[in-house]
Amino acid sequence: VTVDVYDLVKTPAYLLKNLQNEISLLSCLKIPTQNHMVKYYGAHYHDNKLYIVKEKLYGKEILGRINDMSLKDYNESNIKIWLHDLFHVIYDLHQQNVVHR
């Protein structure tokens, strides 16, 4: 697991509001076992800090991977795999009446 820690005193109010909205949404989601979404385990407040506990992922986010790719990596096979995984996540979200932004 990984824990994101936010200082409630130093974090801007708009960001705290966004985090609270995200926590509300994540706590309601039912994540299928065969999915590519990060699993959310919970959030806790303690000593003016917010702790968000979620599954630890290894590697880079998709934007980092795209930026690191060479032109030969932009092939139909790789793109199909990425889109397949992405569409499954979006489908699962839509099944729960969640629209990804």
PDB file of N, CA and C in Angstrom:
ATOM      1  N   VAL A   1       0.840  -1.189   0.000  1.00  0.00           N
ATOM      2  CA  VAL A   1       0.000   0.000   0.000  1.00  0.00           C
ATOM      3  C   VAL A   1       0.879   1.244   0.000  1.00  0.00           C
ATOM      4  N   THR A   2       0.264   2.351  -0.287  1.00  0.00           N
ATOM      5  CA  THR A   2       0.914   3.648  -0.202  1.00  0.00           C
ATOM      6  C   THR A   2      -0.016   4.584   0.560  1.00  0.00           C
ATOM      7  N   VAL A   3       0.570   5.542   1.236  1.00  0.00           N
ATOM      8  CA  VAL A   3      -0.204   6.499   2.020  1.00  0.00           C
ATOM      9  C   VAL A   3       0.177   7.901   1.566  1.00  0.00           C
ATOM     10  N   ASP A   4      -0.804   8.651   1.079  1.00  0.00           N
ATOM     11  CA  ASP A   4      -0.598  10.063   0.756  1.00  0.00           C
ATOM     12  C   ASP A   4      -0.955  10.865   1.997  1.00  0.00           C
ATOM     13  N   VAL A   5      -0.096  11.794   2.383  1.00  0.00           N
ATOM     14  CA  VAL A   5      -0.316  12.590   3.587  1.00  0.00           C
ATOM     15  C   VAL A   5      -0.466  14.055   3.198  1.00  0.00           C
ATOM     16  N   TYR A   6      -1.526  14.678   3.696  1.00  0.00           N
ATOM     17  CA  TYR A   6      -1.792  16.088   3.426  1.00  0.00           C
ATOM     18  C   TYR A   6      -1.894  16.828   4.748  1.00  0.00           C
ATOM     19  N   ASP A   7      -1.177  17.921   4.858  1.00  0.00           N
ATOM     20  CA  ASP A   7      -1.235  18.773   6.041  1.00  0.00           C
ATOM     21  C   ASP A   7      -2.485  19.645   5.927  1.00  0.00           C
ATOM     22  N   LEU A   8      -3.409  19.494   6.844  1.00  0.00           N
ATOM     23  CA  LEU A   8      -4.685  20.212   6.769  1.00  0.00           C
ATOM     24  C   LEU A   8      -4.523  21.710   6.991  1.00  0.00           C
ATOM     25  N   VAL A   9      -3.444  22.120   7.620  1.00  0.00           N
ATOM     26  CA  VAL A   9      -3.200  23.543   7.862  1.00  0.00           C
ATOM     27  C   VAL A   9      -2.578  24.197   6.630  1.00  0.00           C
ATOM     28  N   LYS A  10      -1.669  23.498   5.973  1.00  0.00           N
ATOM     29  CA  LYS A  10      -0.924  24.079   4.848  1.00  0.00           C
ATOM     30  C   LYS A  10      -1.578  23.862   3.488  1.00  0.00           C
ATOM     31  N   THR A  11      -2.443  22.880   3.377  1.00  0.00           N
ATOM     32  CA  THR A  11      -3.075  22.573   2.095  1.00  0.00           C
ATOM     33  C   THR A  11      -4.182  23.585   1.812  1.00  0.00           C
ATOM     34  N   PRO A  12      -4.193  24.179   0.618  1.00  0.00           N
ATOM     35  CA  PRO A  12      -5.239  25.161   0.277  1.00  0.00           C
ATOM     36  C   PRO A  12      -6.643  24.561   0.380  1.00  0.00           C
ATOM     37  N   ALA A  13      -7.599  25.395   0.734  1.00  0.00           N
ATOM     38  CA  ALA A  13      -8.983  24.954   0.957  1.00  0.00           C
ATOM     39  C   ALA A  13      -9.574  24.280  -0.280  1.00  0.00           C
ATOM     40  N   TYR A  14      -9.308  24.833  -1.462  1.00  0.00           N
ATOM     41  CA  TYR A  14      -9.885  24.240  -2.678  1.00  0.00           C
ATOM     42  C   TYR A  14      -9.358  22.818  -2.899  1.00  0.00           C
ATOM     43  N   LEU A  15      -8.086  22.572  -2.564  1.00  0.00           N
ATOM     44  CA  LEU A  15      -7.518  21.238  -2.730  1.00  0.00           C
ATOM     45  C   LEU A  15      -8.104  20.265  -1.709  1.00  0.00           C
ATOM     46  N   LEU A  16      -8.307  20.731  -0.488  1.00  0.00           N
ATOM     47  CA  LEU A  16      -8.942  19.880   0.526  1.00  0.00           C
ATOM     48  C   LEU A  16     -10.354  19.497   0.107  1.00  0.00           C
ATOM     49  N   LYS A  17     -11.077  20.450  -0.473  1.00  0.00           N
ATOM     50  CA  LYS A  17     -12.439  20.168  -0.950  1.00  0.00           C
ATOM     51  C   LYS A  17     -12.386  19.117  -2.060  1.00  0.00           C
ATOM     52  N   ASN A  18     -11.445  19.251  -2.989  1.00  0.00           N
ATOM     53  CA  ASN A  18     -11.289  18.262  -4.060  1.00  0.00           C
ATOM     54  C   ASN A  18     -10.939  16.891  -3.489  1.00  0.00           C
ATOM     55  N   LEU A  19     -10.062  16.855  -2.496  1.00  0.00           N
ATOM     56  CA  LEU A  19      -9.687  15.586  -1.867  1.00  0.00           C
ATOM     57  C   LEU A  19     -10.879  14.944  -1.170  1.00  0.00           C
ATOM     58  N   GLN A  20     -11.682  15.743  -0.483  1.00  0.00           N
ATOM     59  CA  GLN A  20     -12.868  15.210   0.197  1.00  0.00           C
ATOM     60  C   GLN A  20     -13.867  14.655  -0.816  1.00  0.00           C
ATOM     61  N   ASN A  21     -14.035  15.334  -1.939  1.00  0.00           N
ATOM     62  CA  ASN A  21     -14.919  14.830  -2.996  1.00  0.00           C
ATOM     63  C   ASN A  21     -14.392  13.513  -3.559  1.00  0.00           C
ATOM     64  N   GLU A  22     -13.080  13.450  -3.772  1.00  0.00           N
ATOM     65  CA  GLU A  22     -12.465  12.232  -4.297  1.00  0.00           C
ATOM     66  C   GLU A  22     -12.631  11.068  -3.320  1.00  0.00           C
ATOM     67  N   ILE A  23     -12.452  11.346  -2.027  1.00  0.00           N
ATOM     68  CA  ILE A  23     -12.622  10.317  -1.001  1.00  0.00           C
ATOM     69  C   ILE A  23     -14.057   9.804  -0.998  1.00  0.00           C
ATOM     70  N   SER A  24     -15.012  10.704  -1.088  1.00  0.00           N
ATOM     71  CA  SER A  24     -16.426  10.304  -1.117  1.00  0.00           C
ATOM     72  C   SER A  24     -16.710   9.397  -2.300  1.00  0.00           C
ATOM     73  N   LEU A  25     -16.175   9.755  -3.453  1.00  0.00           N
ATOM     74  CA  LEU A  25     -16.393   8.963  -4.654  1.00  0.00           C
ATOM     75  C   LEU A  25     -15.701   7.607  -4.542  1.00  0.00           C
ATOM     76  N   LEU A  26     -14.437   7.602  -4.158  1.00  0.00           N
ATOM     77  CA  LEU A  26     -13.678   6.353  -4.078  1.00  0.00           C
ATOM     78  C   LEU A  26     -14.281   5.383  -3.069  1.00  0.00           C
ATOM     79  N   SER A  27     -14.814   5.900  -1.979  1.00  0.00           N
ATOM     80  CA  SER A  27     -15.373   5.019  -0.950  1.00  0.00           C
ATOM     81  C   SER A  27     -16.665   4.349  -1.412  1.00  0.00           C
ATOM     82  N   CYS A  28     -17.301   4.890  -2.434  1.00  0.00           N
ATOM     83  CA  CYS A  28     -18.545   4.306  -2.949  1.00  0.00           C
ATOM     84  C   CYS A  28     -18.318   3.319  -4.092  1.00  0.00           C
ATOM     85  N   LEU A  29     -17.160   3.383  -4.722  1.00  0.00           N
ATOM     86  CA  LEU A  29     -16.903   2.533  -5.883  1.00  0.00           C
ATOM     87  C   LEU A  29     -16.719   1.081  -5.493  1.00  0.00           C
ATOM     88  N   LYS A  30     -17.244   0.224  -6.330  1.00  0.00           N
ATOM     89  CA  LYS A  30     -16.994  -1.210  -6.226  1.00  0.00           C
ATOM     90  C   LYS A  30     -16.049  -1.554  -7.356  1.00  0.00           C
ATOM     91  N   ILE A  31     -14.830  -1.947  -7.003  1.00  0.00           N
ATOM     92  CA  ILE A  31     -13.817  -2.210  -8.013  1.00  0.00           C
ATOM     93  C   ILE A  31     -13.763  -3.706  -8.292  1.00  0.00           C
ATOM     94  N   PRO A  32     -14.040  -4.103  -9.534  1.00  0.00           N
ATOM     95  CA  PRO A  32     -13.957  -5.526  -9.885  1.00  0.00           C
ATOM     96  C   PRO A  32     -12.553  -6.062  -9.635  1.00  0.00           C
ATOM     97  N   THR A  33     -12.463  -7.350  -9.376  1.00  0.00           N
ATOM     98  CA  THR A  33     -11.157  -7.938  -9.063  1.00  0.00           C
ATOM     99  C   THR A  33     -10.213  -7.891 -10.249  1.00  0.00           C
ATOM    100  N   GLN A  34     -10.707  -7.990 -11.453  1.00  0.00           N
ATOM    101  CA  GLN A  34      -9.857  -7.963 -12.639  1.00  0.00           C
ATOM    102  C   GLN A  34      -9.972  -6.594 -13.282  1.00  0.00           C
ATOM    103  N   ASN A  35      -9.367  -5.609 -12.648  1.00  0.00           N
ATOM    104  CA  ASN A  35      -9.497  -4.243 -13.130  1.00  0.00           C
ATOM    105  C   ASN A  35      -8.164  -3.531 -13.018  1.00  0.00           C
ATOM    106  N   HIS A  36      -8.068  -2.409 -13.683  1.00  0.00           N
ATOM    107  CA  HIS A  36      -6.835  -1.630 -13.690  1.00  0.00           C
ATOM    108  C   HIS A  36      -6.978  -0.342 -12.886  1.00  0.00           C
ATOM    109  N   MET A  37      -7.961  -0.280 -12.020  1.00  0.00           N
ATOM    110  CA  MET A  37      -8.126   0.893 -11.168  1.00  0.00           C
ATOM    111  C   MET A  37      -7.363   0.687  -9.864  1.00  0.00           C
ATOM    112  N   VAL A  38      -6.871   1.774  -9.319  1.00  0.00           N
ATOM    113  CA  VAL A  38      -6.178   1.721  -8.033  1.00  0.00           C
ATOM    114  C   VAL A  38      -7.200   1.427  -6.943  1.00  0.00           C
ATOM    115  N   LYS A  39      -6.890   0.475  -6.095  1.00  0.00           N
ATOM    116  CA  LYS A  39      -7.790   0.144  -4.996  1.00  0.00           C
ATOM    117  C   LYS A  39      -7.613   1.164  -3.873  1.00  0.00           C
ATOM    118  N   TYR A  40      -8.727   1.638  -3.367  1.00  0.00           N
ATOM    119  CA  TYR A  40      -8.753   2.618  -2.279  1.00  0.00           C
ATOM    120  C   TYR A  40      -9.084   1.872  -0.990  1.00  0.00           C
ATOM    121  N   TYR A  41      -8.265   2.071   0.048  1.00  0.00           N
ATOM    122  CA  TYR A  41      -8.471   1.362   1.303  1.00  0.00           C
ATOM    123  C   TYR A  41      -9.081   2.238   2.398  1.00  0.00           C
ATOM    124  N   GLY A  42      -8.935   3.551   2.297  1.00  0.00           N
ATOM    125  CA  GLY A  42      -9.544   4.401   3.300  1.00  0.00           C
ATOM    126  C   GLY A  42      -8.799   5.705   3.490  1.00  0.00           C
ATOM    127  N   ALA A  43      -9.414   6.582   4.255  1.00  0.00           N
ATOM    128  CA  ALA A  43      -8.814   7.872   4.593  1.00  0.00           C
ATOM    129  C   ALA A  43      -9.006   8.094   6.091  1.00  0.00           C
ATOM    130  N   HIS A  44      -8.008   8.715   6.686  1.00  0.00           N
ATOM    131  CA  HIS A  44      -8.042   8.945   8.134  1.00  0.00           C
ATOM    132  C   HIS A  44      -7.511  10.335   8.438  1.00  0.00           C
ATOM    133  N   TYR A  45      -8.136  10.990   9.398  1.00  0.00           N
ATOM    134  CA  TYR A  45      -7.680  12.283   9.879  1.00  0.00           C
ATOM    135  C   TYR A  45      -7.036  12.082  11.238  1.00  0.00           C
ATOM    136  N   HIS A  46      -5.846  12.691  11.418  1.00  0.00           N
ATOM    137  CA  HIS A  46      -5.165  12.598  12.713  1.00  0.00           C
ATOM    138  C   HIS A  46      -4.163  13.742  12.824  1.00  0.00           C
ATOM    139  N   ASP A  47      -4.220  14.471  13.927  1.00  0.00           N
ATOM    140  CA  ASP A  47      -3.265  15.562  14.205  1.00  0.00           C
ATOM    141  C   ASP A  47      -3.112  16.526  13.027  1.00  0.00           C
ATOM    142  N   ASN A  48      -4.221  17.070  12.567  1.00  0.00           N
ATOM    143  CA  ASN A  48      -4.230  18.035  11.464  1.00  0.00           C
ATOM    144  C   ASN A  48      -3.618  17.498  10.176  1.00  0.00           C
ATOM    145  N   LYS A  49      -3.720  16.209   9.978  1.00  0.00           N
ATOM    146  CA  LYS A  49      -3.243  15.608   8.732  1.00  0.00           C
ATOM    147  C   LYS A  49      -4.317  14.675   8.181  1.00  0.00           C
ATOM    148  N   LEU A  50      -4.350  14.595   6.865  1.00  0.00           N
ATOM    149  CA  LEU A  50      -5.238  13.674   6.168  1.00  0.00           C
ATOM    150  C   LEU A  50      -4.370  12.593   5.552  1.00  0.00           C
ATOM    151  N   TYR A  51      -4.704  11.340   5.845  1.00  0.00           N
ATOM    152  CA  TYR A  51      -3.974  10.193   5.309  1.00  0.00           C
ATOM    153  C   TYR A  51      -4.904   9.441   4.369  1.00  0.00           C
ATOM    154  N   ILE A  52      -4.486   9.275   3.119  1.00  0.00           N
ATOM    155  CA  ILE A  52      -5.269   8.525   2.145  1.00  0.00           C
ATOM    156  C   ILE A  52      -4.486   7.252   1.814  1.00  0.00           C
ATOM    157  N   VAL A  53      -5.111   6.107   2.075  1.00  0.00           N
ATOM    158  CA  VAL A  53      -4.453   4.809   1.909  1.00  0.00           C
ATOM    159  C   VAL A  53      -5.002   4.140   0.651  1.00  0.00           C
ATOM    160  N   LYS A  54      -4.079   3.743  -0.239  1.00  0.00           N
ATOM    161  CA  LYS A  54      -4.494   3.103  -1.481  1.00  0.00           C
ATOM    162  C   LYS A  54      -3.433   2.106  -1.929  1.00  0.00           C
ATOM    163  N   GLU A  55      -3.788   1.363  -2.931  1.00  0.00           N
ATOM    164  CA  GLU A  55      -2.886   0.362  -3.486  1.00  0.00           C
ATOM    165  C   GLU A  55      -1.645   1.038  -4.073  1.00  0.00           C
ATOM    166  N   LYS A  56      -0.496   0.454  -3.849  1.00  0.00           N
ATOM    167  CA  LYS A  56       0.730   0.989  -4.424  1.00  0.00           C
ATOM    168  C   LYS A  56       0.915   0.429  -5.829  1.00  0.00           C
ATOM    169  N   LEU A  57       1.162   1.326  -6.749  1.00  0.00           N
ATOM    170  CA  LEU A  57       1.424   0.935  -8.122  1.00  0.00           C
ATOM    171  C   LEU A  57       2.892   1.167  -8.429  1.00  0.00           C
ATOM    172  N   TYR A  58       3.438   0.318  -9.242  1.00  0.00           N
ATOM    173  CA  TYR A  58       4.841   0.451  -9.630  1.00  0.00           C
ATOM    174  C   TYR A  58       4.911   0.901 -11.066  1.00  0.00           C
ATOM    175  N   GLY A  59       5.916   1.659 -11.375  1.00  0.00           N
ATOM    176  CA  GLY A  59       6.055   2.171 -12.729  1.00  0.00           C
ATOM    177  C   GLY A  59       5.546   3.594 -12.808  1.00  0.00           C
ATOM    178  N   LYS A  60       5.430   4.071 -14.012  1.00  0.00           N
ATOM    179  CA  LYS A  60       5.032   5.452 -14.241  1.00  0.00           C
ATOM    180  C   LYS A  60       3.556   5.545 -14.602  1.00  0.00           C
ATOM    181  N   GLU A  61       3.021   6.749 -14.453  1.00  0.00           N
ATOM    182  CA  GLU A  61       1.676   7.004 -14.954  1.00  0.00           C
ATOM    183  C   GLU A  61       1.733   7.002 -16.476  1.00  0.00           C
ATOM    184  N   ILE A  62       0.570   6.942 -17.074  1.00  0.00           N
ATOM    185  CA  ILE A  62       0.521   6.788 -18.534  1.00  0.00           C
ATOM    186  C   ILE A  62       1.218   7.943 -19.261  1.00  0.00           C
ATOM    187  N   LEU A  63       1.085   9.178 -18.768  1.00  0.00           N
ATOM    188  CA  LEU A  63       1.721  10.307 -19.443  1.00  0.00           C
ATOM    189  C   LEU A  63       3.242  10.146 -19.430  1.00  0.00           C
ATOM    190  N   GLY A  64       3.808   9.701 -18.311  1.00  0.00           N
ATOM    191  CA  GLY A  64       5.241   9.461 -18.241  1.00  0.00           C
ATOM    192  C   GLY A  64       5.684   8.378 -19.201  1.00  0.00           C
ATOM    193  N   ARG A  65       4.869   7.333 -19.316  1.00  0.00           N
ATOM    194  CA  ARG A  65       5.200   6.254 -20.258  1.00  0.00           C
ATOM    195  C   ARG A  65       5.174   6.755 -21.697  1.00  0.00           C
ATOM    196  N   ILE A  66       4.178   7.549 -22.022  1.00  0.00           N
ATOM    197  CA  ILE A  66       4.065   8.079 -23.386  1.00  0.00           C
ATOM    198  C   ILE A  66       5.263   8.964 -23.703  1.00  0.00           C
ATOM    199  N   ASN A  67       5.628   9.825 -22.738  1.00  0.00           N
ATOM    200  CA  ASN A  67       6.764  10.721 -22.967  1.00  0.00           C
ATOM    201  C   ASN A  67       8.078   9.958 -23.139  1.00  0.00           C
ATOM    202  N   ASP A  68       8.207   8.800 -22.506  1.00  0.00           N
ATOM    203  CA  ASP A  68       9.429   8.005 -22.589  1.00  0.00           C
ATOM    204  C   ASP A  68       9.496   7.104 -23.826  1.00  0.00           C
ATOM    205  N   MET A  69       8.386   6.964 -24.523  1.00  0.00           N
ATOM    206  CA  MET A  69       8.338   6.039 -25.654  1.00  0.00           C
ATOM    207  C   MET A  69       9.072   6.606 -26.867  1.00  0.00           C
ATOM    208  N   SER A  70       9.661   5.701 -27.614  1.00  0.00           N
ATOM    209  CA  SER A  70      10.225   6.100 -28.894  1.00  0.00           C
ATOM    210  C   SER A  70       9.146   5.893 -29.955  1.00  0.00           C
ATOM    211  N   LEU A  71       9.386   6.419 -31.131  1.00  0.00           N
ATOM    212  CA  LEU A  71       8.378   6.307 -32.198  1.00  0.00           C
ATOM    213  C   LEU A  71       8.062   4.858 -32.542  1.00  0.00           C
ATOM    214  N   LYS A  72       9.038   3.963 -32.437  1.00  0.00           N
ATOM    215  CA  LYS A  72       8.773   2.554 -32.780  1.00  0.00           C
ATOM    216  C   LYS A  72       7.809   1.906 -31.790  1.00  0.00           C
ATOM    217  N   ASP A  73       7.690   2.481 -30.566  1.00  0.00           N
ATOM    218  CA  ASP A  73       6.771   1.931 -29.577  1.00  0.00           C
ATOM    219  C   ASP A  73       5.317   2.324 -29.847  1.00  0.00           C
ATOM    220  N   TYR A  74       5.130   3.334 -30.678  1.00  0.00           N
ATOM    221  CA  TYR A  74       3.776   3.748 -31.034  1.00  0.00           C
ATOM    222  C   TYR A  74       3.275   2.850 -32.159  1.00  0.00           C
ATOM    223  N   ASN A  75       2.931   1.636 -31.802  1.00  0.00           N
ATOM    224  CA  ASN A  75       2.436   0.724 -32.826  1.00  0.00           C
ATOM    225  C   ASN A  75       1.030   0.261 -32.440  1.00  0.00           C
ATOM    226  N   GLU A  76       0.384  -0.332 -33.385  1.00  0.00           N
ATOM    227  CA  GLU A  76      -1.015  -0.734 -33.206  1.00  0.00           C
ATOM    228  C   GLU A  76      -1.192  -1.708 -32.038  1.00  0.00           C
ATOM    229  N   SER A  77      -0.284  -2.627 -31.853  1.00  0.00           N
ATOM    230  CA  SER A  77      -0.408  -3.614 -30.765  1.00  0.00           C
ATOM    231  C   SER A  77      -0.385  -2.951 -29.400  1.00  0.00           C
ATOM    232  N   ASN A  78       0.580  -2.053 -29.180  1.00  0.00           N
ATOM    233  CA  ASN A  78       0.666  -1.364 -27.888  1.00  0.00           C
ATOM    234  C   ASN A  78      -0.561  -0.493 -27.637  1.00  0.00           C
ATOM    235  N   ILE A  79      -0.980   0.223 -28.647  1.00  0.00           N
ATOM    236  CA  ILE A  79      -2.138   1.113 -28.499  1.00  0.00           C
ATOM    237  C   ILE A  79      -3.394   0.300 -28.200  1.00  0.00           C
ATOM    238  N   LYS A  80      -3.577  -0.835 -28.859  1.00  0.00           N
ATOM    239  CA  LYS A  80      -4.734  -1.703 -28.593  1.00  0.00           C
ATOM    240  C   LYS A  80      -4.771  -2.150 -27.133  1.00  0.00           C
ATOM    241  N   ILE A  81      -3.622  -2.543 -26.602  1.00  0.00           N
ATOM    242  CA  ILE A  81      -3.552  -3.003 -25.204  1.00  0.00           C
ATOM    243  C   ILE A  81      -3.940  -1.872 -24.262  1.00  0.00           C
ATOM    244  N   TRP A  82      -3.373  -0.701 -24.467  1.00  0.00           N
ATOM    245  CA  TRP A  82      -3.679   0.440 -23.596  1.00  0.00           C
ATOM    246  C   TRP A  82      -5.157   0.806 -23.662  1.00  0.00           C
ATOM    247  N   LEU A  83      -5.687   0.896 -24.884  1.00  0.00           N
ATOM    248  CA  LEU A  83      -7.097   1.277 -25.033  1.00  0.00           C
ATOM    249  C   LEU A  83      -8.023   0.215 -24.445  1.00  0.00           C
ATOM    250  N   HIS A  84      -7.682  -1.043 -24.616  1.00  0.00           N
ATOM    251  CA  HIS A  84      -8.484  -2.129 -24.038  1.00  0.00           C
ATOM    252  C   HIS A  84      -8.590  -1.960 -22.529  1.00  0.00           C
ATOM    253  N   ASP A  85      -7.443  -1.756 -21.875  1.00  0.00           N
ATOM    254  CA  ASP A  85      -7.434  -1.567 -20.419  1.00  0.00           C
ATOM    255  C   ASP A  85      -8.203  -0.312 -20.021  1.00  0.00           C
ATOM    256  N   LEU A  86      -7.978   0.767 -20.732  1.00  0.00           N
ATOM    257  CA  LEU A  86      -8.643   2.038 -20.434  1.00  0.00           C
ATOM    258  C   LEU A  86     -10.160   1.919 -20.589  1.00  0.00           C
ATOM    259  N   PHE A  87     -10.612   1.292 -21.663  1.00  0.00           N
ATOM    260  CA  PHE A  87     -12.050   1.156 -21.892  1.00  0.00           C
ATOM    261  C   PHE A  87     -12.722   0.289 -20.838  1.00  0.00           C
ATOM    262  N   HIS A  88     -12.019  -0.719 -20.330  1.00  0.00           N
ATOM    263  CA  HIS A  88     -12.586  -1.533 -19.256  1.00  0.00           C
ATOM    264  C   HIS A  88     -12.795  -0.706 -17.989  1.00  0.00           C
ATOM    265  N   VAL A  89     -11.844   0.131 -17.664  1.00  0.00           N
ATOM    266  CA  VAL A  89     -11.972   0.988 -16.477  1.00  0.00           C
ATOM    267  C   VAL A  89     -13.136   1.956 -16.666  1.00  0.00           C
ATOM    268  N   ILE A  90     -13.192   2.595 -17.816  1.00  0.00           N
ATOM    269  CA  ILE A  90     -14.270   3.558 -18.076  1.00  0.00           C
ATOM    270  C   ILE A  90     -15.630   2.858 -18.044  1.00  0.00           C
ATOM    271  N   TYR A  91     -15.714   1.680 -18.606  1.00  0.00           N
ATOM    272  CA  TYR A  91     -16.963   0.920 -18.575  1.00  0.00           C
ATOM    273  C   TYR A  91     -17.389   0.633 -17.129  1.00  0.00           C
ATOM    274  N   ASP A  92     -16.448   0.164 -16.312  1.00  0.00           N
ATOM    275  CA  ASP A  92     -16.773  -0.129 -14.910  1.00  0.00           C
ATOM    276  C   ASP A  92     -17.238   1.124 -14.170  1.00  0.00           C
ATOM    277  N   LEU A  93     -16.613   2.249 -14.445  1.00  0.00           N
ATOM    278  CA  LEU A  93     -17.048   3.510 -13.819  1.00  0.00           C
ATOM    279  C   LEU A  93     -18.455   3.882 -14.277  1.00  0.00           C
ATOM    280  N   HIS A  94     -18.705   3.786 -15.568  1.00  0.00           N
ATOM    281  CA  HIS A  94     -20.029   4.134 -16.101  1.00  0.00           C
ATOM    282  C   HIS A  94     -21.114   3.209 -15.547  1.00  0.00           C
ATOM    283  N   GLN A  95     -20.790   1.948 -15.317  1.00  0.00           N
ATOM    284  CA  GLN A  95     -21.752   1.016 -14.722  1.00  0.00           C
ATOM    285  C   GLN A  95     -22.168   1.467 -13.318  1.00  0.00           C
ATOM    286  N   GLN A  96     -21.329   2.269 -12.676  1.00  0.00           N
ATOM    287  CA  GLN A  96     -21.620   2.772 -11.336  1.00  0.00           C
ATOM    288  C   GLN A  96     -22.060   4.238 -11.372  1.00  0.00           C
ATOM    289  N   ASN A  97     -22.466   4.696 -12.557  1.00  0.00           N
ATOM    290  CA  ASN A  97     -22.938   6.058 -12.760  1.00  0.00           C
ATOM    291  C   ASN A  97     -21.894   7.111 -12.416  1.00  0.00           C
ATOM    292  N   VAL A  98     -20.646   6.806 -12.729  1.00  0.00           N
ATOM    293  CA  VAL A  98     -19.546   7.742 -12.536  1.00  0.00           C
ATOM    294  C   VAL A  98     -18.996   8.099 -13.902  1.00  0.00           C
ATOM    295  N   VAL A  99     -18.853   9.390 -14.148  1.00  0.00           N
ATOM    296  CA  VAL A  99     -18.272   9.860 -15.398  1.00  0.00           C
ATOM    297  C   VAL A  99     -16.875  10.361 -15.074  1.00  0.00           C
ATOM    298  N   HIS A 100     -15.879   9.777 -15.723  1.00  0.00           N
ATOM    299  CA  HIS A 100     -14.500  10.201 -15.504  1.00  0.00           C
ATOM    300  C   HIS A 100     -14.280  11.530 -16.212  1.00  0.00           C
ATOM    301  N   ARG A 101     -13.550  12.409 -15.537  1.00  0.00           N
ATOM    302  CA  ARG A 101     -13.273  13.710 -16.149  1.00  0.00           C
ATOM    303  C   ARG A 101     -11.814  13.863 -16.461  1.00  0.00           C
TER     304      ARG A 101
END
